[in-house]
Amino acid sequence: MKKDKYLRERGGTAKIIDVECSKCSSLLLTYQKDGPGWLKRCYLNRIISPPNMAELNKNPLIKSTADMPYLKCSCGEVIGSPMRYKDGRLAFHLIRGKFKRELNKELS
């Protein structure tokens, strides 16, 4: 669990969520969601797994949204697009209806 200023700003509550493709139900990523509300975007620094997605935040070649790939499922469905949030963090803006989220009981 990542505990930083973003977690404290959102009330200090967090949950681990599995994000799946709504078309084929394959697991896309495991994500730490801070605070209440809808899952609208996935910040790169909050992605837990798979390792290739979790490492995007540490990749020195990714400095802007132009350097980021789209969030796609293995079936070809586009789930999210790259964005930079107003606080400067890189994220994927998720398309409603293209993904399902489920509480990860193992890590929560």
PDB file of N, CA and C in Angstrom:
ATOM      1  N   MET A   1       0.852  -1.176   0.000  1.00  0.00           N
ATOM      2  CA  MET A   1       0.000   0.000   0.000  1.00  0.00           C
ATOM      3  C   MET A   1       0.894   1.235   0.000  1.00  0.00           C
ATOM      4  N   LYS A   2       0.664   2.120  -0.952  1.00  0.00           N
ATOM      5  CA  LYS A   2       1.456   3.340  -1.052  1.00  0.00           C
ATOM      6  C   LYS A   2       0.816   4.417  -0.176  1.00  0.00           C
ATOM      7  N   LYS A   3       1.568   4.926   0.776  1.00  0.00           N
ATOM      8  CA  LYS A   3       1.061   5.953   1.680  1.00  0.00           C
ATOM      9  C   LYS A   3       1.849   7.232   1.442  1.00  0.00           C
ATOM     10  N   ASP A   4       1.194   8.197   0.821  1.00  0.00           N
ATOM     11  CA  ASP A   4       1.836   9.470   0.507  1.00  0.00           C
ATOM     12  C   ASP A   4       0.820  10.591   0.639  1.00  0.00           C
ATOM     13  N   LYS A   5       1.177  11.782   0.178  1.00  0.00           N
ATOM     14  CA  LYS A   5       0.299  12.944   0.340  1.00  0.00           C
ATOM     15  C   LYS A   5      -1.021  12.775  -0.404  1.00  0.00           C
ATOM     16  N   TYR A   6      -1.032  12.043  -1.499  1.00  0.00           N
ATOM     17  CA  TYR A   6      -2.264  11.857  -2.257  1.00  0.00           C
ATOM     18  C   TYR A   6      -3.268  11.009  -1.477  1.00  0.00           C
ATOM     19  N   LEU A   7      -2.792  10.010  -0.775  1.00  0.00           N
ATOM     20  CA  LEU A   7      -3.664   9.184   0.062  1.00  0.00           C
ATOM     21  C   LEU A   7      -4.239  10.009   1.202  1.00  0.00           C
ATOM     22  N   ARG A   8      -3.417  10.813   1.850  1.00  0.00           N
ATOM     23  CA  ARG A   8      -3.889  11.636   2.970  1.00  0.00           C
ATOM     24  C   ARG A   8      -4.886  12.701   2.508  1.00  0.00           C
ATOM     25  N   GLU A   9      -4.688  13.262   1.317  1.00  0.00           N
ATOM     26  CA  GLU A   9      -5.600  14.284   0.791  1.00  0.00           C
ATOM     27  C   GLU A   9      -6.987  13.726   0.501  1.00  0.00           C
ATOM     28  N   ARG A  10      -7.084  12.440   0.247  1.00  0.00           N
ATOM     29  CA  ARG A  10      -8.363  11.818  -0.095  1.00  0.00           C
ATOM     30  C   ARG A  10      -8.975  11.061   1.074  1.00  0.00           C
ATOM     31  N   GLY A  11      -8.643  11.472   2.286  1.00  0.00           N
ATOM     32  CA  GLY A  11      -9.284  10.909   3.463  1.00  0.00           C
ATOM     33  C   GLY A  11      -8.569   9.743   4.103  1.00  0.00           C
ATOM     34  N   GLY A  12      -7.459   9.314   3.558  1.00  0.00           N
ATOM     35  CA  GLY A  12      -6.667   8.261   4.165  1.00  0.00           C
ATOM     36  C   GLY A  12      -7.202   6.856   3.952  1.00  0.00           C
ATOM     37  N   THR A  13      -8.183   6.679   3.074  1.00  0.00           N
ATOM     38  CA  THR A  13      -8.700   5.338   2.787  1.00  0.00           C
ATOM     39  C   THR A  13      -8.252   4.905   1.404  1.00  0.00           C
ATOM     40  N   ALA A  14      -7.950   3.644   1.286  1.00  0.00           N
ATOM     41  CA  ALA A  14      -7.529   3.096   0.003  1.00  0.00           C
ATOM     42  C   ALA A  14      -8.022   1.669  -0.114  1.00  0.00           C
ATOM     43  N   LYS A  15      -8.207   1.228  -1.356  1.00  0.00           N
ATOM     44  CA  LYS A  15      -8.566  -0.160  -1.613  1.00  0.00           C
ATOM     45  C   LYS A  15      -7.843  -0.620  -2.868  1.00  0.00           C
ATOM     46  N   ILE A  16      -7.596  -1.905  -2.927  1.00  0.00           N
ATOM     47  CA  ILE A  16      -6.924  -2.497  -4.078  1.00  0.00           C
ATOM     48  C   ILE A  16      -8.001  -3.054  -5.002  1.00  0.00           C
ATOM     49  N   ILE A  17      -7.950  -2.648  -6.271  1.00  0.00           N
ATOM     50  CA  ILE A  17      -8.975  -2.998  -7.249  1.00  0.00           C
ATOM     51  C   ILE A  17      -8.337  -3.707  -8.441  1.00  0.00           C
ATOM     52  N   ASP A  18      -9.004  -4.764  -8.907  1.00  0.00           N
ATOM     53  CA  ASP A  18      -8.628  -5.410 -10.162  1.00  0.00           C
ATOM     54  C   ASP A  18      -9.452  -4.786 -11.270  1.00  0.00           C
ATOM     55  N   VAL A  19      -8.804  -4.320 -12.325  1.00  0.00           N
ATOM     56  CA  VAL A  19      -9.479  -3.727 -13.475  1.00  0.00           C
ATOM     57  C   VAL A  19      -9.445  -4.753 -14.602  1.00  0.00           C
ATOM     58  N   GLU A  20     -10.642  -5.108 -15.094  1.00  0.00           N
ATOM     59  CA  GLU A  20     -10.774  -6.128 -16.131  1.00  0.00           C
ATOM     60  C   GLU A  20     -11.449  -5.557 -17.360  1.00  0.00           C
ATOM     61  N   CYS A  21     -11.203  -6.159 -18.498  1.00  0.00           N
ATOM     62  CA  CYS A  21     -11.859  -5.792 -19.757  1.00  0.00           C
ATOM     63  C   CYS A  21     -13.316  -6.245 -19.686  1.00  0.00           C
ATOM     64  N   SER A  22     -14.242  -5.384 -20.059  1.00  0.00           N
ATOM     65  CA  SER A  22     -15.651  -5.772 -20.025  1.00  0.00           C
ATOM     66  C   SER A  22     -16.025  -6.664 -21.206  1.00  0.00           C
ATOM     67  N   LYS A  23     -15.206  -6.680 -22.240  1.00  0.00           N
ATOM     68  CA  LYS A  23     -15.493  -7.481 -23.425  1.00  0.00           C
ATOM     69  C   LYS A  23     -15.092  -8.943 -23.237  1.00  0.00           C
ATOM     70  N   CYS A  24     -13.859  -9.174 -22.746  1.00  0.00           N
ATOM     71  CA  CYS A  24     -13.368 -10.559 -22.633  1.00  0.00           C
ATOM     72  C   CYS A  24     -13.066 -10.978 -21.197  1.00  0.00           C
ATOM     73  N   SER A  25     -13.228 -10.079 -20.241  1.00  0.00           N
ATOM     74  CA  SER A  25     -13.031 -10.345 -18.800  1.00  0.00           C
ATOM     75  C   SER A  25     -11.598 -10.683 -18.408  1.00  0.00           C
ATOM     76  N   SER A  26     -10.619 -10.335 -19.231  1.00  0.00           N
ATOM     77  CA  SER A  26      -9.229 -10.595 -18.843  1.00  0.00           C
ATOM     78  C   SER A  26      -8.734  -9.469 -17.934  1.00  0.00           C
ATOM     79  N   LEU A  27      -7.880  -9.832 -16.994  1.00  0.00           N
ATOM     80  CA  LEU A  27      -7.335  -8.877 -16.028  1.00  0.00           C
ATOM     81  C   LEU A  27      -6.343  -7.953 -16.724  1.00  0.00           C
ATOM     82  N   LEU A  28      -6.563  -6.645 -16.591  1.00  0.00           N
ATOM     83  CA  LEU A  28      -5.674  -5.660 -17.193  1.00  0.00           C
ATOM     84  C   LEU A  28      -4.610  -5.209 -16.208  1.00  0.00           C
ATOM     85  N   LEU A  29      -5.058  -4.825 -14.997  1.00  0.00           N
ATOM     86  CA  LEU A  29      -4.115  -4.346 -14.000  1.00  0.00           C
ATOM     87  C   LEU A  29      -4.742  -4.389 -12.614  1.00  0.00           C
ATOM     88  N   THR A  30      -3.876  -4.325 -11.622  1.00  0.00           N
ATOM     89  CA  THR A  30      -4.274  -4.210 -10.230  1.00  0.00           C
ATOM     90  C   THR A  30      -3.867  -2.814  -9.796  1.00  0.00           C
ATOM     91  N   TYR A  31      -4.796  -2.105  -9.136  1.00  0.00           N
ATOM     92  CA  TYR A  31      -4.648  -0.672  -8.911  1.00  0.00           C
ATOM     93  C   TYR A  31      -5.031  -0.300  -7.480  1.00  0.00           C
ATOM     94  N   GLN A  32      -4.306   0.640  -6.890  1.00  0.00           N
ATOM     95  CA  GLN A  32      -4.646   1.171  -5.568  1.00  0.00           C
ATOM     96  C   GLN A  32      -5.520   2.400  -5.753  1.00  0.00           C
ATOM     97  N   LYS A  33      -6.793   2.286  -5.386  1.00  0.00           N
ATOM     98  CA  LYS A  33      -7.750   3.399  -5.498  1.00  0.00           C
ATOM     99  C   LYS A  33      -7.808   4.113  -4.162  1.00  0.00           C
ATOM    100  N   ASP A  34      -7.504   5.409  -4.165  1.00  0.00           N
ATOM    101  CA  ASP A  34      -7.549   6.224  -2.960  1.00  0.00           C
ATOM    102  C   ASP A  34      -8.868   6.966  -2.898  1.00  0.00           C
ATOM    103  N   GLY A  35      -9.490   6.975  -1.738  1.00  0.00           N
ATOM    104  CA  GLY A  35     -10.704   7.742  -1.523  1.00  0.00           C
ATOM    105  C   GLY A  35     -11.937   7.122  -2.152  1.00  0.00           C
ATOM    106  N   PRO A  36     -13.078   7.782  -1.943  1.00  0.00           N
ATOM    107  CA  PRO A  36     -14.346   7.275  -2.473  1.00  0.00           C
ATOM    108  C   PRO A  36     -14.568   7.715  -3.918  1.00  0.00           C
ATOM    109  N   GLY A  37     -15.623   7.219  -4.519  1.00  0.00           N
ATOM    110  CA  GLY A  37     -16.026   7.695  -5.830  1.00  0.00           C
ATOM    111  C   GLY A  37     -15.733   6.726  -6.951  1.00  0.00           C
ATOM    112  N   TRP A  38     -16.066   7.182  -8.162  1.00  0.00           N
ATOM    113  CA  TRP A  38     -15.885   6.397  -9.374  1.00  0.00           C
ATOM    114  C   TRP A  38     -14.406   6.223  -9.701  1.00  0.00           C
ATOM    115  N   LEU A  39     -14.110   5.195 -10.460  1.00  0.00           N
ATOM    116  CA  LEU A  39     -12.765   5.002 -10.991  1.00  0.00           C
ATOM    117  C   LEU A  39     -12.744   5.658 -12.370  1.00  0.00           C
ATOM    118  N   LYS A  40     -12.182   6.865 -12.439  1.00  0.00           N
ATOM    119  CA  LYS A  40     -12.165   7.640 -13.681  1.00  0.00           C
ATOM    120  C   LYS A  40     -10.822   7.576 -14.376  1.00  0.00           C
ATOM    121  N   ARG A  41      -9.771   7.467 -13.585  1.00  0.00           N
ATOM    122  CA  ARG A  41      -8.422   7.436 -14.140  1.00  0.00           C
ATOM    123  C   ARG A  41      -7.533   6.565 -13.283  1.00  0.00           C
ATOM    124  N   CYS A  42      -6.502   6.033 -13.890  1.00  0.00           N
ATOM    125  CA  CYS A  42      -5.512   5.215 -13.180  1.00  0.00           C
ATOM    126  C   CYS A  42      -4.172   5.932 -13.282  1.00  0.00           C
ATOM    127  N   TYR A  43      -3.696   6.447 -12.147  1.00  0.00           N
ATOM    128  CA  TYR A  43      -2.390   7.104 -12.108  1.00  0.00           C
ATOM    129  C   TYR A  43      -1.293   6.048 -12.211  1.00  0.00           C
ATOM    130  N   LEU A  44      -0.246   6.364 -12.942  1.00  0.00           N
ATOM    131  CA  LEU A  44       0.836   5.400 -13.136  1.00  0.00           C
ATOM    132  C   LEU A  44       1.493   5.009 -11.820  1.00  0.00           C
ATOM    133  N   ASN A  45       1.577   5.954 -10.867  1.00  0.00           N
ATOM    134  CA  ASN A  45       2.249   5.636  -9.608  1.00  0.00           C
ATOM    135  C   ASN A  45       1.380   4.799  -8.672  1.00  0.00           C
ATOM    136  N   ARG A  46       0.160   4.456  -9.057  1.00  0.00           N
ATOM    137  CA  ARG A  46      -0.732   3.643  -8.244  1.00  0.00           C
ATOM    138  C   ARG A  46      -0.969   2.246  -8.827  1.00  0.00           C
ATOM    139  N   ILE A  47      -0.415   1.962  -9.997  1.00  0.00           N
ATOM    140  CA  ILE A  47      -0.566   0.643 -10.609  1.00  0.00           C
ATOM    141  C   ILE A  47       0.362  -0.332  -9.890  1.00  0.00           C
ATOM    142  N   ILE A  48      -0.195  -1.447  -9.431  1.00  0.00           N
ATOM    143  CA  ILE A  48       0.564  -2.429  -8.654  1.00  0.00           C
ATOM    144  C   ILE A  48       1.088  -3.561  -9.536  1.00  0.00           C
ATOM    145  N   SER A  49       0.272  -4.088 -10.413  1.00  0.00           N
ATOM    146  CA  SER A  49       0.675  -5.176 -11.298  1.00  0.00           C
ATOM    147  C   SER A  49      -0.151  -5.108 -12.575  1.00  0.00           C
ATOM    148  N   PRO A  50       0.246  -5.739 -13.641  1.00  0.00           N
ATOM    149  CA  PRO A  50       1.420  -6.560 -13.879  1.00  0.00           C
ATOM    150  C   PRO A  50       2.691  -5.719 -13.911  1.00  0.00           C
ATOM    151  N   PRO A  51       3.829  -6.361 -13.785  1.00  0.00           N
ATOM    152  CA  PRO A  51       5.095  -5.617 -13.692  1.00  0.00           C
ATOM    153  C   PRO A  51       5.354  -4.643 -14.844  1.00  0.00           C
ATOM    154  N   ASN A  52       4.986  -5.007 -16.069  1.00  0.00           N
ATOM    155  CA  ASN A  52       5.245  -4.089 -17.187  1.00  0.00           C
ATOM    156  C   ASN A  52       4.423  -2.802 -17.057  1.00  0.00           C
ATOM    157  N   MET A  53       3.236  -2.870 -16.464  1.00  0.00           N
ATOM    158  CA  MET A  53       2.420  -1.670 -16.242  1.00  0.00           C
ATOM    159  C   MET A  53       2.915  -0.900 -15.013  1.00  0.00           C
ATOM    160  N   ALA A  54       3.319  -1.616 -13.977  1.00  0.00           N
ATOM    161  CA  ALA A  54       3.793  -0.971 -12.754  1.00  0.00           C
ATOM    162  C   ALA A  54       5.094  -0.207 -12.989  1.00  0.00           C
ATOM    163  N   GLU A  55       5.884  -0.653 -13.937  1.00  0.00           N
ATOM    164  CA  GLU A  55       7.168  -0.017 -14.231  1.00  0.00           C
ATOM    165  C   GLU A  55       7.038   1.226 -15.110  1.00  0.00           C
ATOM    166  N   LEU A  56       5.859   1.487 -15.659  1.00  0.00           N
ATOM    167  CA  LEU A  56       5.693   2.672 -16.517  1.00  0.00           C
ATOM    168  C   LEU A  56       6.049   3.956 -15.788  1.00  0.00           C
ATOM    169  N   ASN A  57       5.721   4.030 -14.501  1.00  0.00           N
ATOM    170  CA  ASN A  57       6.005   5.239 -13.721  1.00  0.00           C
ATOM    171  C   ASN A  57       7.505   5.471 -13.534  1.00  0.00           C
ATOM    172  N   LYS A  58       8.276   4.389 -13.535  1.00  0.00           N
ATOM    173  CA  LYS A  58       9.726   4.485 -13.307  1.00  0.00           C
ATOM    174  C   LYS A  58      10.521   4.571 -14.607  1.00  0.00           C
ATOM    175  N   ASN A  59       9.848   4.414 -15.734  1.00  0.00           N
ATOM    176  CA  ASN A  59      10.527   4.429 -17.025  1.00  0.00           C
ATOM    177  C   ASN A  59      10.987   5.849 -17.357  1.00  0.00           C
ATOM    178  N   PRO A  60      12.303   6.071 -17.513  1.00  0.00           N
ATOM    179  CA  PRO A  60      12.807   7.426 -17.796  1.00  0.00           C
ATOM    180  C   PRO A  60      12.418   7.938 -19.184  1.00  0.00           C
ATOM    181  N   LEU A  61      11.985   7.049 -20.077  1.00  0.00           N
ATOM    182  CA  LEU A  61      11.602   7.467 -21.424  1.00  0.00           C
ATOM    183  C   LEU A  61      10.189   8.049 -21.461  1.00  0.00           C
ATOM    184  N   ILE A  62       9.396   7.822 -20.417  1.00  0.00           N
ATOM    185  CA  ILE A  62       8.026   8.331 -20.379  1.00  0.00           C
ATOM    186  C   ILE A  62       8.001   9.629 -19.585  1.00  0.00           C
ATOM    187  N   LYS A  63       7.959  10.737 -20.321  1.00  0.00           N
ATOM    188  CA  LYS A  63       7.962  12.064 -19.689  1.00  0.00           C
ATOM    189  C   LYS A  63       6.676  12.833 -19.981  1.00  0.00           C
ATOM    190  N   SER A  64       5.932  12.388 -20.990  1.00  0.00           N
ATOM    191  CA  SER A  64       4.687  13.072 -21.342  1.00  0.00           C
ATOM    192  C   SER A  64       3.683  12.048 -21.850  1.00  0.00           C
ATOM    193  N   THR A  65       2.473  12.519 -22.126  1.00  0.00           N
ATOM    194  CA  THR A  65       1.444  11.620 -22.618  1.00  0.00           C
ATOM    195  C   THR A  65       1.768  11.078 -24.011  1.00  0.00           C
ATOM    196  N   ALA A  66       2.564  11.804 -24.770  1.00  0.00           N
ATOM    197  CA  ALA A  66       2.960  11.344 -26.107  1.00  0.00           C
ATOM    198  C   ALA A  66       3.845  10.097 -26.031  1.00  0.00           C
ATOM    199  N   ASP A  67       4.532   9.915 -24.902  1.00  0.00           N
ATOM    200  CA  ASP A  67       5.418   8.766 -24.724  1.00  0.00           C
ATOM    201  C   ASP A  67       4.684   7.540 -24.186  1.00  0.00           C
ATOM    202  N   MET A  68       3.432   7.709 -23.763  1.00  0.00           N
ATOM    203  CA  MET A  68       2.668   6.631 -23.157  1.00  0.00           C
ATOM    204  C   MET A  68       1.848   5.872 -24.196  1.00  0.00           C
ATOM    205  N   PRO A  69       1.684   4.563 -23.989  1.00  0.00           N
ATOM    206  CA  PRO A  69       0.795   3.808 -24.873  1.00  0.00           C
ATOM    207  C   PRO A  69      -0.663   3.971 -24.417  1.00  0.00           C
ATOM    208  N   TYR A  70      -1.595   3.608 -25.278  1.00  0.00           N
ATOM    209  CA  TYR A  70      -2.990   3.524 -24.858  1.00  0.00           C
ATOM    210  C   TYR A  70      -3.142   2.283 -23.986  1.00  0.00           C
ATOM    211  N   LEU A  71      -4.090   2.298 -23.072  1.00  0.00           N
ATOM    212  CA  LEU A  71      -4.376   1.126 -22.243  1.00  0.00           C
ATOM    213  C   LEU A  71      -5.290   0.222 -23.048  1.00  0.00           C
ATOM    214  N   LYS A  72      -4.728  -0.884 -23.531  1.00  0.00           N
ATOM    215  CA  LYS A  72      -5.469  -1.810 -24.386  1.00  0.00           C
ATOM    216  C   LYS A  72      -5.470  -3.199 -23.788  1.00  0.00           C
ATOM    217  N   CYS A  73      -6.543  -3.910 -24.052  1.00  0.00           N
ATOM    218  CA  CYS A  73      -6.654  -5.308 -23.648  1.00  0.00           C
ATOM    219  C   CYS A  73      -6.003  -6.174 -24.723  1.00  0.00           C
ATOM    220  N   SER A  74      -5.738  -7.417 -24.386  1.00  0.00           N
ATOM    221  CA  SER A  74      -5.155  -8.343 -25.364  1.00  0.00           C
ATOM    222  C   SER A  74      -6.143  -8.651 -26.489  1.00  0.00           C
ATOM    223  N   CYS A  75      -7.453  -8.432 -26.254  1.00  0.00           N
ATOM    224  CA  CYS A  75      -8.452  -8.653 -27.305  1.00  0.00           C
ATOM    225  C   CYS A  75      -8.523  -7.465 -28.267  1.00  0.00           C
ATOM    226  N   GLY A  76      -7.787  -6.393 -28.000  1.00  0.00           N
ATOM    227  CA  GLY A  76      -7.741  -5.232 -28.882  1.00  0.00           C
ATOM    228  C   GLY A  76      -8.611  -4.068 -28.440  1.00  0.00           C
ATOM    229  N   GLU A  77      -9.417  -4.261 -27.421  1.00  0.00           N
ATOM    230  CA  GLU A  77     -10.308  -3.212 -26.917  1.00  0.00           C
ATOM    231  C   GLU A  77      -9.492  -2.099 -26.242  1.00  0.00           C
ATOM    232  N   VAL A  78      -9.737  -0.848 -26.611  1.00  0.00           N
ATOM    233  CA  VAL A  78      -9.071   0.287 -25.980  1.00  0.00           C
ATOM    234  C   VAL A  78      -9.847   0.624 -24.714  1.00  0.00           C
ATOM    235  N   ILE A  79      -9.166   0.592 -23.567  1.00  0.00           N
ATOM    236  CA  ILE A  79      -9.788   0.804 -22.262  1.00  0.00           C
ATOM    237  C   ILE A  79      -9.554   2.230 -21.769  1.00  0.00           C
ATOM    238  N   GLY A  80      -8.396   2.795 -22.096  1.00  0.00           N
ATOM    239  CA  GLY A  80      -8.079   4.136 -21.612  1.00  0.00           C
ATOM    240  C   GLY A  80      -7.060   4.831 -22.483  1.00  0.00           C
ATOM    241  N   SER A  81      -7.020   6.152 -22.336  1.00  0.00           N
ATOM    242  CA  SER A  81      -6.077   6.958 -23.102  1.00  0.00           C
ATOM    243  C   SER A  81      -5.142   7.704 -22.152  1.00  0.00           C
ATOM    244  N   PRO A  82      -3.933   8.026 -22.608  1.00  0.00           N
ATOM    245  CA  PRO A  82      -2.976   8.741 -21.755  1.00  0.00           C
ATOM    246  C   PRO A  82      -3.452  10.156 -21.451  1.00  0.00           C
ATOM    247  N   MET A  83      -3.165  10.608 -20.245  1.00  0.00           N
ATOM    248  CA  MET A  83      -3.504  11.970 -19.850  1.00  0.00           C
ATOM    249  C   MET A  83      -2.543  12.443 -18.771  1.00  0.00           C
ATOM    250  N   ARG A  84      -2.482  13.752 -18.586  1.00  0.00           N
ATOM    251  CA  ARG A  84      -1.747  14.341 -17.476  1.00  0.00           C
ATOM    252  C   ARG A  84      -2.772  15.065 -16.615  1.00  0.00           C
ATOM    253  N   TYR A  85      -2.855  14.666 -15.343  1.00  0.00           N
ATOM    254  CA  TYR A  85      -3.818  15.284 -14.440  1.00  0.00           C
ATOM    255  C   TYR A  85      -3.326  16.672 -14.057  1.00  0.00           C
ATOM    256  N   LYS A  86      -4.214  17.508 -13.511  1.00  0.00           N
ATOM    257  CA  LYS A  86      -3.861  18.896 -13.207  1.00  0.00           C
ATOM    258  C   LYS A  86      -2.749  19.043 -12.176  1.00  0.00           C
ATOM    259  N   ASP A  87      -2.496  17.986 -11.369  1.00  0.00           N
ATOM    260  CA  ASP A  87      -1.387  18.058 -10.414  1.00  0.00           C
ATOM    261  C   ASP A  87      -0.062  17.603 -11.039  1.00  0.00           C
ATOM    262  N   GLY A  88      -0.085  17.240 -12.331  1.00  0.00           N
ATOM    263  CA  GLY A  88       1.143  16.890 -13.045  1.00  0.00           C
ATOM    264  C   GLY A  88       1.401  15.408 -13.197  1.00  0.00           C
ATOM    265  N   ARG A  89       0.624  14.566 -12.513  1.00  0.00           N
ATOM    266  CA  ARG A  89       0.848  13.121 -12.604  1.00  0.00           C
ATOM    267  C   ARG A  89       0.286  12.556 -13.900  1.00  0.00           C
ATOM    268  N   LEU A  90       1.019  11.585 -14.467  1.00  0.00           N
ATOM    269  CA  LEU A  90       0.555  10.896 -15.666  1.00  0.00           C
ATOM    270  C   LEU A  90      -0.439   9.816 -15.268  1.00  0.00           C
ATOM    271  N   ALA A  91      -1.444   9.610 -16.121  1.00  0.00           N
ATOM    272  CA  ALA A  91      -2.500   8.653 -15.807  1.00  0.00           C
ATOM    273  C   ALA A  91      -3.132   8.141 -17.097  1.00  0.00           C
ATOM    274  N   PHE A  92      -3.975   7.120 -16.946  1.00  0.00           N
ATOM    275  CA  PHE A  92      -4.822   6.658 -18.034  1.00  0.00           C
ATOM    276  C   PHE A  92      -6.236   7.124 -17.730  1.00  0.00           C
ATOM    277  N   HIS A  93      -6.849   7.851 -18.656  1.00  0.00           N
ATOM    278  CA  HIS A  93      -8.256   8.249 -18.525  1.00  0.00           C
ATOM    279  C   HIS A  93      -9.081   7.066 -19.009  1.00  0.00           C
ATOM    280  N   LEU A  94      -9.872   6.465 -18.110  1.00  0.00           N
ATOM    281  CA  LEU A  94     -10.614   5.256 -18.427  1.00  0.00           C
ATOM    282  C   LEU A  94     -11.938   5.584 -19.113  1.00  0.00           C
ATOM    283  N   ILE A  95     -12.312   4.752 -20.078  1.00  0.00           N
ATOM    284  CA  ILE A  95     -13.553   4.907 -20.823  1.00  0.00           C
ATOM    285  C   ILE A  95     -14.632   4.090 -20.119  1.00  0.00           C
ATOM    286  N   ARG A  96     -15.668   4.776 -19.646  1.00  0.00           N
ATOM    287  CA  ARG A  96     -16.744   4.085 -18.925  1.00  0.00           C
ATOM    288  C   ARG A  96     -17.413   3.046 -19.814  1.00  0.00           C
ATOM    289  N   GLY A  97     -17.680   1.890 -19.218  1.00  0.00           N
ATOM    290  CA  GLY A  97     -18.319   0.809 -19.950  1.00  0.00           C
ATOM    291  C   GLY A  97     -17.341  -0.136 -20.613  1.00  0.00           C
ATOM    292  N   LYS A  98     -16.079   0.249 -20.706  1.00  0.00           N
ATOM    293  CA  LYS A  98     -15.069  -0.596 -21.346  1.00  0.00           C
ATOM    294  C   LYS A  98     -14.327  -1.472 -20.341  1.00  0.00           C
ATOM    295  N   PHE A  99     -14.548  -1.234 -19.047  1.00  0.00           N
ATOM    296  CA  PHE A  99     -13.838  -2.004 -18.021  1.00  0.00           C
ATOM    297  C   PHE A  99     -14.785  -2.352 -16.880  1.00  0.00           C
ATOM    298  N   LYS A 100     -14.378  -3.372 -16.131  1.00  0.00           N
ATOM    299  CA  LYS A 100     -15.076  -3.754 -14.902  1.00  0.00           C
ATOM    300  C   LYS A 100     -14.058  -3.643 -13.782  1.00  0.00           C
ATOM    301  N   ARG A 101     -14.527  -3.305 -12.610  1.00  0.00           N
ATOM    302  CA  ARG A 101     -13.625  -3.249 -11.463  1.00  0.00           C
ATOM    303  C   ARG A 101     -14.164  -4.164 -10.386  1.00  0.00           C
ATOM    304  N   GLU A 102     -13.233  -4.783  -9.679  1.00  0.00           N
ATOM    305  CA  GLU A 102     -13.609  -5.718  -8.628  1.00  0.00           C
ATOM    306  C   GLU A 102     -12.603  -5.573  -7.502  1.00  0.00           C
ATOM    307  N   LEU A 103     -13.090  -5.585  -6.282  1.00  0.00           N
ATOM    308  CA  LEU A 103     -12.228  -5.468  -5.113  1.00  0.00           C
ATOM    309  C   LEU A 103     -11.311  -6.682  -5.037  1.00  0.00           C
ATOM    310  N   ASN A 104     -10.017  -6.460  -4.894  1.00  0.00           N
ATOM    311  CA  ASN A 104      -9.042  -7.536  -4.764  1.00  0.00           C
ATOM    312  C   ASN A 104      -8.995  -7.938  -3.295  1.00  0.00           C
ATOM    313  N   LYS A 105      -9.523  -9.096  -2.972  1.00  0.00           N
ATOM    314  CA  LYS A 105      -9.634  -9.536  -1.582  1.00  0.00           C
ATOM    315  C   LYS A 105      -8.299 -10.009  -1.010  1.00  0.00           C
ATOM    316  N   GLU A 106      -7.374 -10.409  -1.881  1.00  0.00           N
ATOM    317  CA  GLU A 106      -6.077 -10.894  -1.417  1.00  0.00           C
ATOM    318  C   GLU A 106      -5.198  -9.764  -0.898  1.00  0.00           C
ATOM    319  N   LEU A 107      -5.187  -8.612  -1.582  1.00  0.00           N
ATOM    320  CA  LEU A 107      -4.294  -7.518  -1.225  1.00  0.00           C
ATOM    321  C   LEU A 107      -4.947  -6.453  -0.363  1.00  0.00           C
ATOM    322  N   SER A 108      -6.270  -6.398  -0.307  1.00  0.00           N
ATOM    323  CA  SER A 108      -6.967  -5.353   0.466  1.00  0.00           C
ATOM    324  C   SER A 108      -6.892  -5.605   1.951  1.00  0.00           C
TER     325      SER A 108
END
